Amino acid sequence: MTLHELKKIIDTLPSMPRMPVLFVGHGSPMNALEQNIYTRSWKDLGEKLPRPSAILSISAHWITEGTFVHVEAKPKIIHDFYGFPKELYALTYPCPGAPEVASATQEILTPTIVLPDSQWGIDHGTWVVLHHMFPNADIPVFQMSIDVSRSHEQHYELGRLLMPLREKGVLIMGSGNLVHNLGRIDFNEEAVPFDWALEFDTQAKNLLQDGDHRALINYENLGQSAAISIPTPDHYWPLLYALGLQEKNESLTFPVEGISHGSISMRAIKIG
């Protein structure tokens, strides 16, 4: 498909009121089965959001060399985890794909090379949340991968370029965790949050409220609690895509807050 043909796809998408942007802390895959404070909050959020024309998820669980968008009309559901109850593997989320919007995304991100993908699908960073947020699975969903070779700044700037999709009614959702240290996880569901997890989660909340994107992009400069909270950047990068889409003076709220298993922030952010 040529760039001209891709642009025509964008032009044919109906204009709609600008959609909000989400960053969601997805936590354990077991959240798909459980009814807890986090999953109830996702359900409540889905009921309050305007109905999207499609959903673009940028999940911490699709890390690639290069940037890809999934273009299948019937994406497969990926159970990309191990050692969980069989009931979890029986769950599915039979949403349609959004191949036309995925192709339009390729054009929007030009000159960045974004390649079509037909092998991935919908991973648990996406469907575990949407299972509660939009339980009917009737909204088209597609994913965009996170290029491991890009800098934090480049992830943020790539997110900014996705703005035209908001004007077409597409809900863009980054799915990861602001604090994500599995090496220090406490498997007790009633675990008390570690001091460093609370410290960084609160520090990040304050920076988000202040609109200090620069500090959040350069999180390595935020001290030891940030270093322990983000031992690898994969679950943090989706936040940068969401922040890139926040316009000046645009509202930001926290529909979900809390620390799960001591070392996992479940904070969700709604922009707009």
Protein backbone atom coordinates (compact mmCIF):
# COMPACT_ATOMS: atom_id res chain seq x y z
CA MET A 1 0.00 0.00 0.00
CA THR A 2 1.40 3.41 -0.98
CA LEU A 3 1.59 6.42 1.34
CA HIS A 4 -1.05 8.12 -0.81
CA GLU A 5 -3.40 5.21 -0.28
CA LEU A 6 -2.72 5.25 3.46
CA LYS A 7 -3.50 8.97 3.64
CA LYS A 8 -6.82 8.33 1.90
CA ILE A 9 -7.67 5.83 4.64
CA ILE A 10 -7.11 8.50 7.30
CA ASP A 11 -9.22 11.01 5.39
CA THR A 12 -12.13 8.55 5.17
CA LEU A 13 -12.19 7.91 8.92
CA PRO A 14 -15.00 9.99 10.46
CA SER A 15 -14.04 12.89 12.71
CA MET A 16 -15.29 12.52 16.28
CA PRO A 17 -14.89 14.35 19.59
CA ARG A 18 -11.32 13.95 20.77
CA MET A 19 -10.85 10.75 22.76
CA PRO A 20 -9.10 10.67 26.11
CA VAL A 21 -5.77 8.83 26.45
CA LEU A 22 -5.07 6.17 29.06
CA PHE A 23 -2.10 4.67 30.79
CA VAL A 24 -3.15 1.59 32.76
CA GLY A 25 -1.15 -0.42 35.27
CA HIS A 26 -2.20 -3.93 34.28
CA GLY A 27 -0.44 -5.93 37.01
CA SER A 28 -0.84 -9.71 37.25
CA PRO A 29 -2.63 -11.73 34.53
CA MET A 30 -4.81 -13.02 37.38
CA ASN A 31 -6.63 -9.68 37.26
CA ALA A 32 -8.52 -11.12 34.30
CA LEU A 33 -10.24 -13.58 36.69
CA GLU A 34 -10.44 -11.49 39.82
CA GLN A 35 -12.93 -8.93 41.04
CA ASN A 36 -10.88 -6.49 43.07
CA ILE A 37 -10.47 -2.74 43.54
CA TYR A 38 -8.44 -2.47 40.35
CA THR A 39 -10.68 -4.50 38.05
CA ARG A 40 -13.79 -2.77 39.38
CA SER A 41 -12.14 0.57 38.65
CA TRP A 42 -11.39 -0.55 35.06
CA LYS A 43 -15.04 -1.53 34.64
CA ASP A 44 -16.20 1.82 36.02
CA LEU A 45 -13.79 3.68 33.74
CA GLY A 46 -15.05 1.81 30.67
CA GLU A 47 -18.63 2.76 31.53
CA LYS A 48 -17.71 6.46 31.78
CA LEU A 49 -15.56 6.75 28.66
CA PRO A 50 -17.09 7.75 25.32
CA ARG A 51 -17.37 4.73 23.08
CA PRO A 52 -14.21 4.49 20.94
CA SER A 53 -14.24 3.84 17.21
CA ALA A 54 -11.19 1.61 17.84
CA ILE A 55 -8.59 0.99 20.53
CA LEU A 56 -4.84 1.23 20.00
CA SER A 57 -2.93 -0.51 22.77
CA ILE A 58 0.78 0.02 23.34
CA SER A 59 1.64 -2.86 25.63
CA ALA A 60 4.79 -3.53 27.64
CA HIS A 61 4.56 -7.13 26.42
CA TRP A 62 5.23 -6.44 22.75
CA ILE A 63 8.86 -5.33 22.59
CA THR A 64 10.50 -5.56 19.16
CA GLU A 65 13.41 -4.37 17.07
CA GLY A 66 11.67 -1.83 14.88
CA THR A 67 8.09 -0.60 15.18
CA PHE A 68 5.13 -2.74 14.07
CA VAL A 69 1.35 -2.47 14.00
CA HIS A 70 -0.85 -5.54 14.03
CA VAL A 71 -3.12 -5.53 10.98
CA GLU A 72 -5.18 -8.73 11.24
CA ALA A 73 -8.97 -8.44 11.09
CA LYS A 74 -9.33 -11.24 13.67
CA PRO A 75 -6.38 -10.95 16.06
CA LYS A 76 -5.51 -13.98 18.15
CA ILE A 77 -5.51 -13.73 21.92
CA ILE A 78 -2.10 -14.44 23.42
CA HIS A 79 -1.73 -16.14 26.81
CA ASP A 80 1.83 -14.91 27.22
CA PHE A 81 2.44 -16.14 30.77
CA TYR A 82 3.25 -19.40 32.52
CA GLY A 83 2.29 -21.28 35.67
CA PHE A 84 -1.18 -19.82 36.19
CA PRO A 85 -4.49 -21.68 36.78
CA LYS A 86 -6.04 -23.40 33.79
CA GLU A 87 -9.10 -21.16 34.09
CA LEU A 88 -6.96 -18.22 33.03
CA TYR A 89 -5.83 -19.97 29.84
CA ALA A 90 -9.47 -20.71 29.00
CA LEU A 91 -10.33 -17.00 28.97
CA THR A 92 -10.51 -15.26 25.63
CA TYR A 93 -11.30 -11.80 24.31
CA PRO A 94 -12.71 -12.22 20.79
CA CYS A 95 -12.51 -8.59 19.71
CA PRO A 96 -12.29 -7.65 16.03
CA GLY A 97 -9.09 -6.11 14.72
CA ALA A 98 -8.76 -2.67 13.13
CA PRO A 99 -6.68 -3.21 9.97
CA GLU A 100 -7.66 0.07 8.31
CA VAL A 101 -6.83 2.15 11.38
CA ALA A 102 -3.60 0.20 11.83
CA SER A 103 -2.65 1.01 8.23
CA ALA A 104 -3.55 4.66 8.80
CA THR A 105 -1.23 4.65 11.82
CA GLN A 106 1.66 3.71 9.54
CA GLU A 107 1.06 6.88 7.52
CA ILE A 108 0.58 9.07 10.59
CA LEU A 109 4.00 8.06 11.91
CA THR A 110 5.85 8.77 8.65
CA PRO A 111 8.85 9.17 8.26
CA THR A 112 9.26 6.57 11.02
CA ILE A 113 9.19 3.18 9.35
CA VAL A 114 6.27 1.23 10.81
CA LEU A 115 5.81 -2.27 9.42
CA PRO A 116 2.60 -4.32 9.29
CA ASP A 117 2.47 -7.45 11.45
CA SER A 118 0.15 -10.44 11.20
CA GLN A 119 1.81 -12.74 13.75
CA TRP A 120 1.28 -11.09 17.14
CA GLY A 121 -2.30 -10.40 18.19
CA ILE A 122 -3.62 -9.16 21.55
CA ASP A 123 -1.37 -9.89 24.55
CA HIS A 124 -2.30 -9.95 28.22
CA GLY A 125 -1.17 -6.37 28.77
CA THR A 126 -4.16 -5.46 26.59
CA TRP A 127 -6.90 -8.06 26.97
CA VAL A 128 -6.68 -8.46 30.76
CA VAL A 129 -7.64 -4.79 31.08
CA LEU A 130 -10.17 -4.69 28.24
CA HIS A 131 -11.87 -7.84 29.57
CA HIS A 132 -13.16 -5.62 32.39
CA MET A 133 -13.20 -2.23 30.70
CA PHE A 134 -15.13 -3.27 27.58
CA PRO A 135 -16.43 -6.77 28.41
CA ASN A 136 -18.49 -7.18 25.23
CA ALA A 137 -15.30 -7.34 23.13
CA ASP A 138 -17.12 -5.51 20.33
CA ILE A 139 -14.71 -2.61 19.78
CA PRO A 140 -11.93 -3.09 17.19
CA VAL A 141 -8.51 -3.42 18.85
CA PHE A 142 -4.98 -3.33 17.46
CA GLN A 143 -1.54 -3.10 19.02
CA MET A 144 1.61 -1.17 18.19
CA SER A 145 4.94 -2.57 19.32
CA ILE A 146 7.63 -0.79 21.33
CA ASP A 147 11.00 -0.54 19.58
CA VAL A 148 13.69 -1.52 22.07
CA SER A 149 16.32 0.51 20.20
CA ARG A 150 14.58 3.86 20.75
CA SER A 151 15.49 6.30 23.51
CA HIS A 152 12.97 7.41 26.14
CA GLU A 153 12.70 10.75 24.32
CA GLN A 154 12.00 9.00 21.01
CA HIS A 155 9.19 6.92 22.55
CA TYR A 156 7.65 10.13 23.90
CA GLU A 157 7.91 11.89 20.54
CA LEU A 158 6.45 8.89 18.69
CA GLY A 159 3.48 9.02 21.04
CA ARG A 160 2.99 12.71 20.25
CA LEU A 161 2.67 11.89 16.53
CA LEU A 162 -0.36 9.68 17.22
CA MET A 163 -2.54 12.73 18.03
CA PRO A 164 -4.60 12.53 14.76
CA LEU A 165 -6.01 9.20 15.93
CA ARG A 166 -7.59 10.89 18.94
CA GLU A 167 -9.52 13.14 16.56
CA LYS A 168 -10.91 10.01 14.85
CA GLY A 169 -12.31 8.53 18.05
CA VAL A 170 -9.46 6.10 18.69
CA LEU A 171 -8.76 5.36 22.34
CA ILE A 172 -4.98 5.11 22.79
CA MET A 173 -3.99 3.06 25.83
CA GLY A 174 -0.49 2.53 27.16
CA SER A 175 -0.40 -0.62 29.29
CA GLY A 176 2.46 -1.26 31.68
CA ASN A 177 3.22 -0.39 35.31
CA LEU A 178 4.75 2.77 36.72
CA VAL A 179 6.51 0.68 39.38
CA HIS A 180 7.37 -2.84 38.20
CA ASN A 181 9.98 -4.88 40.06
CA LEU A 182 9.21 -8.60 39.84
CA GLY A 183 12.51 -9.43 41.50
CA ARG A 184 11.20 -8.02 44.78
CA ILE A 185 7.56 -9.05 44.47
CA ASP A 186 5.68 -10.32 47.54
CA PHE A 187 3.13 -12.92 46.43
CA ASN A 188 0.92 -12.22 49.43
CA GLU A 189 -2.10 -10.37 48.02
CA GLU A 190 -2.22 -8.27 51.21
CA ALA A 191 1.46 -7.35 50.99
CA VAL A 192 2.43 -3.96 52.37
CA PRO A 193 3.98 -1.74 49.67
CA PHE A 194 7.73 -1.33 49.87
CA ASP A 195 8.84 2.14 50.94
CA TRP A 196 10.74 2.71 47.69
CA ALA A 197 7.67 1.73 45.62
CA LEU A 198 5.46 4.18 47.49
CA GLU A 199 8.11 6.87 47.28
CA PHE A 200 8.51 6.68 43.52
CA ASP A 201 4.80 6.21 42.82
CA THR A 202 4.10 9.37 44.82
CA GLN A 203 7.00 11.25 43.23
CA ALA A 204 5.75 10.32 39.76
CA LYS A 205 2.19 11.32 40.67
CA ASN A 206 3.42 14.76 41.73
CA LEU A 207 5.42 15.18 38.52
CA LEU A 208 2.40 14.14 36.46
CA GLN A 209 0.20 16.68 38.24
CA ASP A 210 2.84 19.34 37.64
CA GLY A 211 3.04 18.44 33.94
CA ASP A 212 6.79 17.83 34.26
CA HIS A 213 7.21 15.49 31.32
CA ARG A 214 10.92 16.20 31.06
CA ALA A 215 11.62 14.76 34.51
CA LEU A 216 9.52 11.69 33.76
CA ILE A 217 11.29 11.10 30.45
CA ASN A 218 14.64 11.31 32.24
CA TYR A 219 13.55 9.14 35.15
CA GLU A 220 17.09 7.82 35.70
CA ASN A 221 17.80 11.18 37.35
CA LEU A 222 15.02 10.80 39.93
CA GLY A 223 17.00 8.88 42.53
CA GLN A 224 17.30 5.43 44.04
CA SER A 225 13.56 4.77 44.42
CA ALA A 226 13.14 5.29 40.67
CA ALA A 227 16.06 2.96 39.93
CA ILE A 228 14.57 0.18 42.08
CA SER A 229 11.05 0.79 40.75
CA ILE A 230 12.16 0.63 37.10
CA PRO A 231 14.87 -2.05 36.87
CA THR A 232 14.03 -2.36 33.16
CA PRO A 233 12.13 0.25 31.13
CA ASP A 234 9.69 -2.03 29.27
CA HIS A 235 6.73 -1.46 31.62
CA TYR A 236 7.52 2.26 31.90
CA TRP A 237 7.76 3.05 28.18
CA PRO A 238 3.96 2.87 27.57
CA LEU A 239 3.59 5.81 29.98
CA LEU A 240 5.80 7.95 27.75
CA TYR A 241 3.55 7.32 24.74
CA ALA A 242 0.54 8.47 26.74
CA LEU A 243 2.34 11.58 28.01
CA GLY A 244 3.38 12.49 24.49
CA LEU A 245 -0.32 12.80 23.71
CA GLN A 246 -1.12 15.26 26.50
CA GLU A 247 -1.65 18.76 25.18
CA LYS A 248 -0.76 21.85 27.18
CA ASN A 249 -3.19 22.42 30.06
CA GLU A 250 -5.09 19.22 29.24
CA SER A 251 -6.57 17.58 32.33
CA LEU A 252 -4.98 14.53 33.95
CA THR A 253 -6.63 12.33 36.57
CA PHE A 254 -5.91 9.03 38.34
CA PRO A 255 -8.88 6.65 38.05
CA VAL A 256 -6.89 3.85 39.74
CA GLU A 257 -4.26 4.04 42.49
CA GLY A 258 -2.51 1.46 44.65
CA ILE A 259 0.50 -0.83 44.99
CA SER A 260 -0.04 -4.55 44.37
CA HIS A 261 2.18 -7.32 45.82
CA GLY A 262 4.49 -4.74 47.37
CA SER A 263 6.31 -3.79 44.17
CA ILE A 264 3.75 -3.23 41.38
CA SER A 265 2.04 0.14 40.94
CA MET A 266 -1.48 -0.22 39.60
CA ARG A 267 -1.84 3.51 38.97
CA ALA A 268 -3.90 4.44 35.94
CA ILE A 269 -3.83 7.83 34.26
CA LYS A 270 -6.56 9.44 32.19
CA ILE A 271 -5.66 12.39 29.98
CA GLY A 272 -8.50 14.51 28.66
